[in-house]
Amino acid sequence: MGYTGRELALTGSVFDFRFDAMVSSPVRQVQYVMDILIQKIFRFWVFSSVSVGPSGILGTRNYGSLGFTSIFINIRFKMGTSL
């Protein structure tokens, strides 16, 4: 199950949001993935061509408890023109 929102707006900022949930099954453990990429944080020519944001995976750790299995910082560069 999941949700992907592209170019969402909140208080003047534009961002992309993705959430995916892997439900428990006999083959795989529970896992939740979340990404946020925020645009319009810089000025001038990089206004809409660079976006930055955190990403994390929440899943079952080695000890059997729920916790973050990975945390990243994502940077995306857009090539070409943007409207």
C-alpha atoms as a PDB file:
ATOM      1  CA  MET A   1       0.000   0.000   0.000  1.00  0.00           C
ATOM      2  CA  GLY A   2       1.261   3.471  -0.614  1.00  0.00           C
ATOM      3  CA  TYR A   3       0.787   7.093  -1.569  1.00  0.00           C
ATOM      4  CA  THR A   4       2.852   9.336  -3.831  1.00  0.00           C
ATOM      5  CA  GLY A   5       2.244  13.085  -3.999  1.00  0.00           C
ATOM      6  CA  ARG A   6       4.107  15.139  -6.601  1.00  0.00           C
ATOM      7  CA  GLU A   7       4.556  18.921  -6.352  1.00  0.00           C
ATOM      8  CA  LEU A   8       2.371  19.379  -3.267  1.00  0.00           C
ATOM      9  CA  ALA A   9       2.247  22.895  -1.776  1.00  0.00           C
ATOM     10  CA  LEU A  10       2.316  23.938   1.875  1.00  0.00           C
ATOM     11  CA  THR A  11       3.025  27.487   3.135  1.00  0.00           C
ATOM     12  CA  GLY A  12       4.748  28.538  -0.080  1.00  0.00           C
ATOM     13  CA  SER A  13       7.021  25.505  -0.324  1.00  0.00           C
ATOM     14  CA  VAL A  14       6.655  22.804  -2.951  1.00  0.00           C
ATOM     15  CA  PHE A  15       7.511  19.235  -2.038  1.00  0.00           C
ATOM     16  CA  ASP A  16       7.177  15.616  -3.135  1.00  0.00           C
ATOM     17  CA  PHE A  17       6.025  13.014  -0.627  1.00  0.00           C
ATOM     18  CA  ARG A  18       6.072   9.208  -0.853  1.00  0.00           C
ATOM     19  CA  PHE A  19       4.877   6.684   1.714  1.00  0.00           C
ATOM     20  CA  ASP A  20       4.876   2.918   1.165  1.00  0.00           C
ATOM     21  CA  ALA A  21       3.805   0.251   3.648  1.00  0.00           C
ATOM     22  CA  MET A  22       4.646  -3.448   3.370  1.00  0.00           C
ATOM     23  CA  VAL A  23       2.206  -5.371   5.518  1.00  0.00           C
ATOM     24  CA  SER A  24       3.248  -8.456   7.442  1.00  0.00           C
ATOM     25  CA  SER A  25       3.327 -11.759   5.565  1.00  0.00           C
ATOM     26  CA  PRO A  26       4.967 -15.170   6.048  1.00  0.00           C
ATOM     27  CA  VAL A  27       7.699 -14.121   3.586  1.00  0.00           C
ATOM     28  CA  ARG A  28       8.413 -10.474   4.535  1.00  0.00           C
ATOM     29  CA  GLN A  29       8.424  -8.453   7.730  1.00  0.00           C
ATOM     30  CA  VAL A  30       6.540  -5.199   8.253  1.00  0.00           C
ATOM     31  CA  GLN A  31       8.300  -2.245   6.612  1.00  0.00           C
ATOM     32  CA  TYR A  32       7.401   1.446   6.151  1.00  0.00           C
ATOM     33  CA  VAL A  33       9.234   3.770   3.723  1.00  0.00           C
ATOM     34  CA  MET A  34       8.892   7.575   3.706  1.00  0.00           C
ATOM     35  CA  ASP A  35      10.560  10.142   1.409  1.00  0.00           C
ATOM     36  CA  ILE A  36      10.171  13.920   1.409  1.00  0.00           C
ATOM     37  CA  LEU A  37      11.870  16.142  -1.196  1.00  0.00           C
ATOM     38  CA  ILE A  38      11.490  19.912  -0.716  1.00  0.00           C
ATOM     39  CA  GLN A  39      11.848  22.327  -3.640  1.00  0.00           C
ATOM     40  CA  LYS A  40      12.076  26.126  -3.743  1.00  0.00           C
ATOM     41  CA  ILE A  41      14.538  26.334  -0.875  1.00  0.00           C
ATOM     42  CA  PHE A  42      17.215  28.111  -2.918  1.00  0.00           C
ATOM     43  CA  ARG A  43      17.096  31.291  -5.017  1.00  0.00           C
ATOM     44  CA  PHE A  44      17.669  32.328  -8.603  1.00  0.00           C
ATOM     45  CA  TRP A  45      18.486  29.605 -11.179  1.00  0.00           C
ATOM     46  CA  VAL A  46      18.321  26.702  -8.690  1.00  0.00           C
ATOM     47  CA  PHE A  47      14.835  27.752  -7.514  1.00  0.00           C
ATOM     48  CA  SER A  48      13.113  24.656  -8.934  1.00  0.00           C
ATOM     49  CA  SER A  49      16.030  22.577 -10.204  1.00  0.00           C
ATOM     50  CA  VAL A  50      17.318  21.305  -6.824  1.00  0.00           C
ATOM     51  CA  SER A  51      15.365  19.541  -4.098  1.00  0.00           C
ATOM     52  CA  VAL A  52      16.594  18.134  -0.780  1.00  0.00           C
ATOM     53  CA  GLY A  53      14.963  15.986   1.867  1.00  0.00           C
ATOM     54  CA  PRO A  54      15.134  13.070   4.291  1.00  0.00           C
ATOM     55  CA  SER A  55      14.264   9.447   3.626  1.00  0.00           C
ATOM     56  CA  GLY A  56      13.783   6.680   6.142  1.00  0.00           C
ATOM     57  CA  ILE A  57      12.839   3.021   6.394  1.00  0.00           C
ATOM     58  CA  LEU A  58      11.065   1.874   9.522  1.00  0.00           C
ATOM     59  CA  GLY A  59      11.119  -1.890   9.979  1.00  0.00           C
ATOM     60  CA  THR A  60      11.915  -4.774  12.276  1.00  0.00           C
ATOM     61  CA  ARG A  61      15.431  -4.617  13.732  1.00  0.00           C
ATOM     62  CA  ASN A  62      17.660  -7.575  14.655  1.00  0.00           C
ATOM     63  CA  TYR A  63      16.226  -7.632  18.168  1.00  0.00           C
ATOM     64  CA  GLY A  64      12.636  -7.951  16.905  1.00  0.00           C
ATOM     65  CA  SER A  65      11.594  -4.419  17.853  1.00  0.00           C
ATOM     66  CA  LEU A  66      10.364  -1.750  15.464  1.00  0.00           C
ATOM     67  CA  GLY A  67      12.981   0.867  14.561  1.00  0.00           C
ATOM     68  CA  PHE A  68      14.737   2.715  11.749  1.00  0.00           C
ATOM     69  CA  THR A  69      16.755   0.361   9.570  1.00  0.00           C
ATOM     70  CA  SER A  70      18.092   3.166   7.353  1.00  0.00           C
ATOM     71  CA  ILE A  71      18.022   6.967   7.191  1.00  0.00           C
ATOM     72  CA  PHE A  72      19.269   8.983   4.207  1.00  0.00           C
ATOM     73  CA  ILE A  73      19.410  12.544   2.887  1.00  0.00           C
ATOM     74  CA  ASN A  74      18.303  12.732  -0.749  1.00  0.00           C
ATOM     75  CA  ILE A  75      19.304  15.390  -3.279  1.00  0.00           C
ATOM     76  CA  ARG A  76      17.616  15.603  -6.677  1.00  0.00           C
ATOM     77  CA  PHE A  77      18.782  17.701  -9.618  1.00  0.00           C
ATOM     78  CA  LYS A  78      16.380  18.454 -12.476  1.00  0.00           C
ATOM     79  CA  MET A  79      17.848  18.940 -15.901  1.00  0.00           C
ATOM     80  CA  GLY A  80      16.049  21.126 -18.463  1.00  0.00           C
ATOM     81  CA  THR A  81      13.341  23.713 -18.127  1.00  0.00           C
ATOM     82  CA  SER A  82      10.599  23.718 -15.528  1.00  0.00           C
ATOM     83  CA  LEU A  83       7.269  25.517 -15.643  1.00  0.00           C
END
